[in-house]
N, C-alpha and C. Protein backbone atom coordinates (compact mmCIF):
# COMPACT_ATOMS: atom_id res chain seq x y z
N MET A 1 9.49 -18.18 9.07
CA MET A 1 8.73 -18.79 9.49
C MET A 1 7.25 -17.93 9.99
N CYS A 2 6.43 -18.04 9.46
CA CYS A 2 5.03 -17.36 9.39
C CYS A 2 4.49 -17.44 11.24
N ASN A 3 3.41 -16.35 11.12
CA ASN A 3 2.71 -15.91 12.25
C ASN A 3 1.41 -16.56 12.16
N ASN A 4 0.76 -17.13 12.39
CA ASN A 4 -0.81 -17.33 12.55
C ASN A 4 -1.76 -16.44 13.55
N ASP A 5 -0.90 -15.79 14.49
CA ASP A 5 -1.92 -14.98 15.35
C ASP A 5 -2.43 -13.81 14.63
N SER A 6 -3.72 -14.11 14.29
CA SER A 6 -4.83 -12.81 13.57
C SER A 6 -4.43 -11.04 14.67
N SER A 7 -3.81 -11.31 15.52
CA SER A 7 -3.80 -9.82 16.30
C SER A 7 -2.54 -9.63 15.81
N SER A 8 -1.50 -10.06 14.78
CA SER A 8 -0.30 -9.61 14.36
C SER A 8 0.21 -8.06 14.08
N CYS A 9 1.76 -7.45 14.96
CA CYS A 9 1.52 -6.16 14.20
C CYS A 9 1.57 -5.88 12.71
N ILE A 10 1.83 -6.57 11.64
CA ILE A 10 1.35 -6.30 10.75
C ILE A 10 0.18 -5.88 10.39
N SER A 11 -0.99 -6.71 10.97
CA SER A 11 -2.69 -6.49 10.88
C SER A 11 -2.59 -4.86 11.21
N GLU A 12 -2.52 -4.96 12.58
CA GLU A 12 -2.57 -3.44 13.41
C GLU A 12 -2.16 -2.31 12.51
N ILE A 13 -0.95 -2.34 11.74
CA ILE A 13 -0.41 -1.68 11.03
C ILE A 13 -1.11 -1.02 9.42
N LEU A 14 -1.49 -1.87 9.19
CA LEU A 14 -2.39 -1.70 8.24
C LEU A 14 -3.67 -1.35 8.44
N ASN A 15 -4.25 -1.85 9.60
CA ASN A 15 -5.54 -1.04 9.79
C ASN A 15 -5.35 0.23 9.93
N VAL A 16 -3.66 0.43 10.99
CA VAL A 16 -3.78 1.97 11.16
C VAL A 16 -3.81 2.86 10.02
N ILE A 17 -2.80 2.50 8.56
CA ILE A 17 -3.21 2.90 7.16
C ILE A 17 -4.27 3.44 6.64
N LEU A 18 -5.43 1.61 6.77
CA LEU A 18 -6.13 1.62 6.32
C LEU A 18 -7.14 3.18 6.74
N VAL A 19 -7.34 3.49 8.48
CA VAL A 19 -8.19 4.11 8.50
C VAL A 19 -7.55 5.80 8.57
N LEU A 20 -6.17 5.86 8.00
CA LEU A 20 -5.63 7.40 8.15
C LEU A 20 -6.00 7.53 6.34
N GLN A 21 -6.13 6.43 5.77
CA GLN A 21 -6.72 6.91 4.32
C GLN A 21 -7.77 7.32 4.22
N GLN A 22 -8.67 6.40 5.20
CA GLN A 22 -9.95 6.94 4.80
C GLN A 22 -9.99 8.18 5.87
N ASN A 23 -9.71 8.61 6.28
CA ASN A 23 -9.82 9.81 7.15
C ASN A 23 -8.36 11.28 6.53
N ALA A 24 -8.17 10.98 5.28
CA ALA A 24 -6.74 11.75 5.05
C ALA A 24 -6.42 13.22 5.49
N CYS A 25 -5.23 13.67 6.57
CA CYS A 25 -5.29 14.94 6.99
C CYS A 25 -3.95 15.28 6.76
N PRO A 26 -3.75 16.70 6.35
CA PRO A 26 -2.93 17.06 5.53
C PRO A 26 -1.42 17.61 6.96
N ASN A 27 -1.69 16.88 7.72
CA ASN A 27 -0.91 17.24 9.18
C ASN A 27 0.26 16.37 9.05
N SER A 28 1.48 16.65 9.44
CA SER A 28 2.23 15.54 9.33
C SER A 28 2.97 15.36 10.44
N CYS A 29 3.97 13.91 10.93
CA CYS A 29 3.94 13.83 12.30
C CYS A 29 5.54 13.19 12.41
N LEU A 30 5.55 11.78 13.23
CA LEU A 30 6.80 11.19 12.49
C LEU A 30 6.73 10.69 11.66
N ASP A 31 8.00 9.74 11.31
CA ASP A 31 7.88 9.39 9.64
C ASP A 31 7.89 8.15 9.95
N SER A 32 7.09 7.04 10.33
CA SER A 32 6.91 5.61 10.29
C SER A 32 5.77 5.18 9.83
N CYS A 33 5.39 3.63 9.75
CA CYS A 33 4.31 3.35 8.92
C CYS A 33 2.96 3.49 9.81
N ASP A 34 3.03 3.57 10.96
CA ASP A 34 2.33 3.96 11.75
C ASP A 34 2.05 5.53 12.41
N ARG A 35 2.76 6.41 11.34
CA ARG A 35 2.57 7.85 12.42
C ARG A 35 1.12 7.71 12.13
N PRO A 36 0.53 8.74 12.93
CA PRO A 36 -0.84 8.90 13.19
C PRO A 36 -1.99 9.99 12.23
N VAL A 37 -1.28 10.38 11.47
CA VAL A 37 -1.71 11.20 10.43
C VAL A 37 -0.97 11.06 8.88
N LEU A 38 -1.64 11.12 7.87
CA LEU A 38 -1.12 11.17 6.54
C LEU A 38 -0.32 12.69 6.07
N GLY A 39 0.69 12.36 5.77
CA GLY A 39 1.58 14.09 5.71
C GLY A 39 1.45 14.42 4.33
N GLY A 40 1.35 15.84 4.18
CA GLY A 40 1.73 16.41 2.93
C GLY A 40 3.24 15.96 2.27
N GLY A 41 3.45 16.07 1.35
CA GLY A 41 4.97 15.64 1.07
C GLY A 41 5.22 17.12 0.60
N PRO A 42 6.41 17.27 -0.08
CA PRO A 42 7.12 18.92 -0.41
C PRO A 42 6.12 19.35 -2.04
N ASN A 43 5.63 17.52 -2.35
CA ASN A 43 4.35 18.25 -4.02
C ASN A 43 3.54 17.95 -3.55
N CYS A 44 3.02 17.80 -2.46
CA CYS A 44 1.60 17.25 -2.07
C CYS A 44 1.10 18.05 -0.99
N LEU A 45 -0.13 18.84 -1.08
CA LEU A 45 -0.47 19.62 -0.09
C LEU A 45 -1.61 18.04 0.83
N ILE A 46 -2.03 17.47 0.23
CA ILE A 46 -3.23 16.63 0.60
C ILE A 46 -3.28 14.85 0.29
N CYS A 47 -2.49 14.33 1.43
CA CYS A 47 -2.09 12.93 0.85
C CYS A 47 -3.41 11.93 1.29
N ASN A 48 -3.83 11.38 -0.06
CA ASN A 48 -4.88 10.35 0.86
C ASN A 48 -4.32 8.28 0.67
N THR A 49 -3.09 8.77 0.21
CA THR A 49 -2.66 7.02 0.36
C THR A 49 -1.35 7.08 0.97
N ARG A 50 -0.86 5.80 1.84
CA ARG A 50 0.53 5.22 2.39
C ARG A 50 0.92 4.34 1.76
N PRO A 51 1.63 4.72 0.62
CA PRO A 51 1.83 3.90 -0.73
C PRO A 51 2.21 2.69 0.54
N ILE A 52 2.58 1.04 0.37
CA ILE A 52 3.54 0.27 0.92
C ILE A 52 3.49 -1.19 -0.35
N GLN A 53 5.10 -2.02 0.59
CA GLN A 53 5.73 -2.29 -0.15
C GLN A 53 5.56 -3.56 0.75
N ILE A 54 5.14 -5.05 0.47
CA ILE A 54 4.96 -6.56 0.97
C ILE A 54 6.01 -6.90 0.84
N PHE A 55 6.29 -7.61 2.01
CA PHE A 55 7.47 -8.90 1.86
C PHE A 55 6.92 -10.16 2.75
N THR A 56 6.84 -10.83 1.81
CA THR A 56 6.28 -12.22 2.53
C THR A 56 7.38 -12.96 2.94
N CYS A 57 6.87 -14.21 3.75
CA CYS A 57 7.70 -15.06 4.36
C CYS A 57 8.68 -16.00 3.20
N GLY A 58 9.93 -15.69 3.52
CA GLY A 58 10.43 -16.69 2.40
C GLY A 58 10.59 -15.98 1.26
N SER A 59 10.45 -14.91 0.82
CA SER A 59 10.54 -14.27 0.01
C SER A 59 12.11 -13.31 -0.42
N ASN A 60 12.72 -13.87 0.57
CA ASN A 60 14.39 -13.46 0.45
C ASN A 60 15.01 -12.31 0.39
N GLY A 61 13.79 -11.19 0.74
CA GLY A 61 14.09 -9.85 0.78
C GLY A 61 13.51 -9.00 -0.43
N THR A 62 12.90 -9.99 -1.11
CA THR A 62 11.94 -9.72 -2.27
C THR A 62 10.54 -8.96 -2.30
N ALA A 63 10.36 -7.55 -2.81
CA ALA A 63 9.20 -7.50 -2.25
C ALA A 63 7.73 -8.23 -3.29
N LEU A 64 7.24 -8.28 -2.80
CA LEU A 64 5.71 -9.15 -3.52
C LEU A 64 5.19 -8.24 -4.72
N THR A 65 4.84 -8.57 -5.78
CA THR A 65 4.47 -7.97 -6.97
C THR A 65 3.50 -8.39 -7.76
N MET A 66 2.78 -7.68 -7.95
CA MET A 66 1.28 -8.14 -8.43
C MET A 66 1.12 -7.45 -10.05
N PRO A 67 0.44 -8.35 -10.83
CA PRO A 67 -0.33 -7.54 -12.01
C PRO A 67 -0.76 -6.19 -11.62
N THR A 68 -0.31 -5.00 -12.85
CA THR A 68 -1.29 -4.16 -12.52
C THR A 68 -2.51 -4.20 -13.82
N THR A 69 -2.95 -5.30 -13.82
CA THR A 69 -4.46 -5.53 -14.52
C THR A 69 -4.59 -6.51 -14.24
N LYS A 70 -6.39 -6.77 -14.74
CA LYS A 70 -7.34 -7.94 -14.51
C LYS A 70 -6.75 -8.99 -15.82
N ASP A 71 -6.43 -8.29 -16.76
CA ASP A 71 -6.50 -8.87 -17.99
C ASP A 71 -4.91 -9.91 -18.40
N PRO A 72 -5.68 -10.65 -18.27
CA PRO A 72 -4.31 -11.87 -18.74
C PRO A 72 -3.58 -11.69 -19.88
N VAL A 73 -4.18 -10.72 -21.06
CA VAL A 73 -3.88 -10.85 -22.45
C VAL A 73 -2.84 -9.61 -22.51
N THR A 74 -3.04 -8.54 -21.66
CA THR A 74 -3.06 -7.19 -22.45
C THR A 74 -1.37 -7.07 -21.88
N GLY A 75 -0.65 -7.83 -21.30
CA GLY A 75 0.54 -8.06 -20.64
C GLY A 75 1.02 -8.45 -19.60
N GLY A 76 2.27 -8.24 -19.15
CA GLY A 76 2.88 -9.05 -17.92
C GLY A 76 3.15 -7.84 -17.03
N THR A 77 3.07 -6.26 -17.14
CA THR A 77 3.43 -5.35 -16.20
C THR A 77 2.60 -6.06 -14.41
N THR A 78 4.04 -5.94 -13.88
CA THR A 78 3.77 -5.49 -12.14
C THR A 78 4.34 -4.57 -11.47
N SER A 79 3.96 -4.23 -10.75
CA SER A 79 4.04 -3.48 -9.67
C SER A 79 4.30 -4.06 -7.79
N SER A 80 4.90 -3.48 -7.69
CA SER A 80 5.07 -3.84 -6.36
C SER A 80 5.21 -2.85 -5.30
N VAL A 81 4.03 -1.78 -5.52
CA VAL A 81 3.49 -0.82 -4.64
C VAL A 81 2.12 -0.60 -4.65
N PHE A 82 1.55 -1.09 -3.34
CA PHE A 82 0.20 -1.12 -3.25
C PHE A 82 -0.42 -0.08 -1.97
N ARG A 83 -2.06 0.05 -2.22
CA ARG A 83 -2.70 0.51 -1.46
C ARG A 83 -3.32 0.08 -0.50
N VAL A 84 -3.58 -0.08 0.95
CA VAL A 84 -3.98 -0.76 1.00
C VAL A 84 -6.03 -0.25 1.63
N GLU A 85 -7.10 -1.43 1.34
CA GLU A 85 -8.29 -0.98 0.57
C GLU A 85 -9.11 -1.68 2.08
N LYS A 86 -8.53 -3.32 2.51
CA LYS A 86 -9.72 -3.20 3.79
C LYS A 86 -8.71 -4.31 4.30
N VAL A 87 -8.81 -4.17 5.49
CA VAL A 87 -8.37 -4.98 6.84
C VAL A 87 -9.59 -5.99 7.40
N ASP A 88 -9.58 -6.99 7.25
CA ASP A 88 -10.78 -8.13 7.64
C ASP A 88 -9.75 -9.62 8.21
N ASN A 89 -9.99 -8.73 10.18
CA ASN A 89 -9.06 -9.84 11.00
C ASN A 89 -7.54 -10.09 10.03
N ASN A 90 -7.18 -11.22 9.65
CA ASN A 90 -5.98 -11.32 9.35
C ASN A 90 -5.68 -11.41 7.74
N CYS A 91 -6.45 -10.60 7.07
CA CYS A 91 -6.61 -10.85 5.71
C CYS A 91 -6.83 -9.18 5.33
N CYS A 92 -5.63 -9.06 4.28
CA CYS A 92 -5.78 -7.59 4.07
C CYS A 92 -5.96 -7.64 2.31
N THR A 93 -6.72 -6.45 1.74
CA THR A 93 -7.22 -6.32 0.42
C THR A 93 -6.39 -5.45 -0.32
N CYS A 94 -5.47 -5.38 -0.91
CA CYS A 94 -5.20 -4.46 -1.68
C CYS A 94 -5.17 -4.02 -2.85
N ARG A 95 -5.12 -2.71 -3.34
CA ARG A 95 -4.94 -2.15 -5.08
C ARG A 95 -3.75 -1.97 -5.32
N VAL A 96 -3.46 -2.47 -6.56
CA VAL A 96 -1.95 -2.46 -7.16
C VAL A 96 -1.91 -0.88 -7.65
N LEU A 97 -0.99 -0.33 -7.26
CA LEU A 97 -0.23 0.84 -8.00
C LEU A 97 0.75 1.00 -8.86
N GLU A 98 0.48 1.76 -10.01
CA GLU A 98 1.90 1.76 -10.66
C GLU A 98 2.53 3.37 -11.29
N GLU A 99 3.72 3.05 -10.88
CA GLU A 99 4.12 4.54 -11.92
C GLU A 99 2.97 5.25 -12.92
N ASN A 100 3.44 6.78 -12.44
CA ASN A 100 2.69 7.19 -13.21
C ASN A 100 3.36 7.59 -14.32
N PRO A 101 2.62 7.34 -15.56
CA PRO A 101 3.04 7.55 -17.18
C PRO A 101 3.25 9.05 -17.31
N ASP A 102 2.83 10.10 -16.64
CA ASP A 102 2.94 11.50 -17.33
C ASP A 102 3.89 11.50 -16.38
N THR A 103 5.20 11.86 -16.47
CA THR A 103 6.15 12.42 -15.68
C THR A 103 5.81 13.97 -15.47
N THR A 104 5.38 14.72 -16.03
CA THR A 104 5.44 15.99 -15.38
C THR A 104 4.59 15.95 -14.21
N SER A 105 3.71 14.87 -13.90
CA SER A 105 2.55 14.96 -12.95
C SER A 105 3.57 15.31 -11.47
N LEU A 106 3.11 15.58 -10.22
CA LEU A 106 3.54 15.75 -9.01
C LEU A 106 3.36 14.55 -8.30
N ASN A 107 2.20 13.43 -9.09
CA ASN A 107 2.36 12.10 -8.22
C ASN A 107 2.81 11.45 -8.61
N PRO A 108 3.17 10.39 -7.85
CA PRO A 108 4.16 9.49 -8.36
C PRO A 108 3.60 8.31 -8.86
N TYR A 109 2.58 8.01 -8.28
CA TYR A 109 1.24 6.76 -8.39
C TYR A 109 0.21 6.83 -9.21
N VAL A 110 -0.32 6.06 -9.99
CA VAL A 110 -1.61 5.83 -10.13
C VAL A 110 -2.29 4.62 -10.05
N ALA A 111 -3.57 4.74 -9.86
CA ALA A 111 -4.13 3.86 -9.15
C ALA A 111 -4.62 2.53 -10.41
N THR A 112 -5.06 1.67 -10.18
CA THR A 112 -5.46 0.73 -11.28
C THR A 112 -6.42 -0.19 -10.74
N ASN A 113 -6.79 -0.92 -11.68
CA ASN A 113 -8.27 -1.86 -10.99
C ASN A 113 -8.24 -3.23 -10.74
N SER A 114 -6.89 -3.85 -10.76
CA SER A 114 -6.31 -4.78 -10.01
C SER A 114 -6.04 -4.76 -8.28
N PHE A 115 -6.57 -6.08 -7.72
CA PHE A 115 -7.41 -6.29 -6.61
C PHE A 115 -6.27 -7.34 -5.81
N PHE A 116 -5.83 -7.86 -4.92
CA PHE A 116 -5.27 -9.03 -4.43
C PHE A 116 -5.81 -8.62 -2.85
N THR A 117 -6.35 -10.27 -2.59
CA THR A 117 -6.07 -10.41 -0.87
C THR A 117 -4.72 -11.13 0.07
N ILE A 118 -4.76 -10.71 1.06
CA ILE A 118 -3.30 -11.34 0.90
C ILE A 118 -3.69 -12.09 2.26
N ASN A 119 -3.41 -13.09 2.95
CA ASN A 119 -3.51 -13.68 4.30
C ASN A 119 -2.19 -13.17 4.99
N LEU A 120 -2.17 -12.11 6.16
CA LEU A 120 -1.25 -11.76 6.61
C LEU A 120 -0.17 -12.53 7.50
N SER A 121 -0.38 -13.41 7.53
CA SER A 121 0.04 -14.91 8.77
C SER A 121 1.65 -14.99 7.71
N CYS A 122 1.42 -14.54 6.54
CA CYS A 122 2.64 -15.01 5.37
C CYS A 122 2.90 -14.04 5.62
N VAL A 123 3.36 -12.69 5.55
CA VAL A 123 3.58 -11.45 5.56
C VAL A 123 4.72 -11.05 6.29
N CYS A 124 6.01 -11.13 6.20
CA CYS A 124 6.61 -10.57 7.37
C CYS A 124 7.54 -9.67 7.41
N ALA A 125 6.98 -8.58 6.21
CA ALA A 125 7.37 -7.53 6.88
C ALA A 125 6.87 -6.01 5.83
N ILE A 126 6.62 -5.15 6.10
CA ILE A 126 6.01 -4.19 4.93
C ILE A 126 7.00 -2.74 5.34
N ARG A 127 7.10 -2.03 4.29
CA ARG A 127 7.55 -0.84 3.74
C ARG A 127 7.08 0.32 3.38
N CYS A 128 6.53 1.34 4.01
CA CYS A 128 5.64 2.30 3.79
C CYS A 128 6.73 3.20 3.12
N LEU A 129 6.37 4.09 1.89
CA LEU A 129 6.69 4.79 1.22
C LEU A 129 6.38 6.34 1.70
N THR A 130 6.71 6.98 0.71
CA THR A 130 6.15 8.64 1.23
C THR A 130 4.82 8.83 0.55
N ASP A 131 3.76 9.31 1.51
CA ASP A 131 2.47 9.60 1.76
C ASP A 131 2.30 10.72 0.43
N THR A 132 1.11 10.23 -0.81
CA THR A 132 0.96 10.94 -1.55
C THR A 132 -0.36 10.90 -2.38
N PHE A 133 -0.89 11.78 -3.19
CA PHE A 133 -2.05 11.49 -3.66
C PHE A 133 -2.69 10.56 -4.67
N VAL A 134 -3.74 9.46 -4.84
CA VAL A 134 -3.65 9.13 -5.99
C VAL A 134 -5.34 9.37 -6.46
N GLU A 135 -4.91 9.60 -7.45
CA GLU A 135 -6.59 9.85 -8.32
C GLU A 135 -7.48 8.64 -8.01
N CYS A 136 -8.63 8.96 -8.07
CA CYS A 136 -9.45 7.33 -8.43
C CYS A 136 -9.22 6.78 -7.37
N VAL A 137 -9.43 7.33 -6.08
CA VAL A 137 -9.12 6.06 -5.04
C VAL A 137 -10.47 6.32 -4.00
């Protein structure tokens, strides 16, 4: 069942993630989605992104996937890893991240130019992944 309350916990946590990403800090604290700073990982001194996965109401535990490109002709590549870019009331705009094709890189994701906006009333859970650095965000 979806929640239509605009002050949902999902919205609040996504706002925290957005602020943290805008003010990236190398300190680390509790290992939860709303920990107060972005942490440095073993391979990353300063992180600028807290990647998330989104689970919508009725998804049966399957993470939301979105295309990694705006061009429908170039293929069917999708990703379930996102970066929060904007939270406006009960809506969240995310950037789609994809796995880094450079297997020698310490950064697991690269930014795409694919964005989407989701009504947070349709989100029942988010999963935070390890804080990381994403170039060009």
